[in-house]
């Protein structure tokens, strides 16, 4: 007896909340920005590179949330 593939049915009905979309878009923005400033962050000029990296990520997520909100309303 064959068991139906319920993963496919479950996978097609997943809901991504808006914050997850902003998180994913912000991650890609962060990847681009991080590649540009990586040498400066880890050169020793910054007191704590990990905190700066995290701050950049939070700013990228915030900017992507702002973009998603303004794209929908305009």
Protein backbone atom coordinates (compact mmCIF):
# COMPACT_ATOMS: atom_id res chain seq x y z
CA UNK A 1 0.00 0.00 0.00
CA UNK A 2 1.49 3.33 -1.06
CA UNK A 3 1.55 6.18 1.45
CA UNK A 4 0.68 9.55 -0.08
CA UNK A 5 3.42 12.14 -0.03
CA UNK A 6 2.02 14.54 2.56
CA UNK A 7 5.18 16.68 2.54
CA UNK A 8 4.25 17.97 -0.90
CA UNK A 9 0.77 18.97 0.23
CA UNK A 10 2.16 20.56 3.38
CA UNK A 11 4.91 22.28 1.41
CA UNK A 12 2.48 23.90 -0.97
CA UNK A 13 0.44 25.40 1.85
CA UNK A 14 3.22 27.02 3.88
CA UNK A 15 2.64 30.62 4.88
CA UNK A 16 5.57 33.01 5.09
CA UNK A 17 4.71 35.93 7.35
CA UNK A 18 5.80 39.40 6.19
CA UNK A 19 8.60 39.60 8.76
CA UNK A 20 10.14 36.43 7.32
CA UNK A 21 10.11 38.05 3.89
CA UNK A 22 11.87 41.10 5.34
CA UNK A 23 14.36 38.86 7.11
CA UNK A 24 15.17 36.98 3.92
CA UNK A 25 15.45 40.14 1.82
CA UNK A 26 17.52 41.81 4.54
CA UNK A 27 19.86 38.83 4.58
CA UNK A 28 20.59 39.26 0.88
CA UNK A 29 21.15 43.01 1.38
CA UNK A 30 23.49 42.17 4.25
CA UNK A 31 25.42 39.72 2.08
CA UNK A 32 26.04 42.43 -0.51
CA UNK A 33 26.96 45.07 2.06
CA UNK A 34 29.11 42.69 4.10
CA UNK A 35 31.14 41.75 1.04
CA UNK A 36 31.87 45.45 0.42
CA UNK A 37 33.00 46.33 3.97
CA UNK A 38 34.42 43.02 5.19
CA UNK A 39 38.06 44.11 4.99
CA UNK A 40 37.35 47.33 6.90
CA UNK A 41 35.36 45.55 9.61
CA UNK A 42 38.01 42.94 10.32
CA UNK A 43 41.06 45.20 9.87
CA UNK A 44 41.22 46.06 13.57
CA UNK A 45 39.81 49.60 13.30
CA UNK A 46 36.50 48.47 14.77
CA UNK A 47 36.31 47.66 18.47
CA UNK A 48 33.99 44.67 18.08
CA UNK A 49 33.50 43.39 14.51
CA UNK A 50 30.74 40.95 15.45
CA UNK A 51 28.58 43.70 16.95
CA UNK A 52 29.06 45.83 13.86
CA UNK A 53 28.14 42.86 11.67
CA UNK A 54 25.00 42.27 13.70
CA UNK A 55 24.12 45.96 13.58
CA UNK A 56 24.48 45.96 9.80
CA UNK A 57 22.21 42.94 9.59
CA UNK A 58 19.53 44.60 11.74
CA UNK A 59 19.75 47.76 9.62
CA UNK A 60 19.38 45.70 6.44
CA UNK A 61 16.32 43.88 7.80
CA UNK A 62 14.79 47.20 8.86
CA UNK A 63 15.45 48.72 5.44
CA UNK A 64 13.95 45.71 3.66
CA UNK A 65 10.86 45.88 5.91
CA UNK A 66 10.52 49.56 5.01
CA UNK A 67 10.88 48.73 1.30
CA UNK A 68 8.26 45.99 1.50
CA UNK A 69 5.80 48.25 3.33
CA UNK A 70 6.24 51.16 0.93
CA UNK A 71 6.09 48.92 -2.12
CA UNK A 72 2.69 47.61 -1.02
CA UNK A 73 1.19 50.98 -0.06
CA UNK A 74 2.25 52.88 -3.18
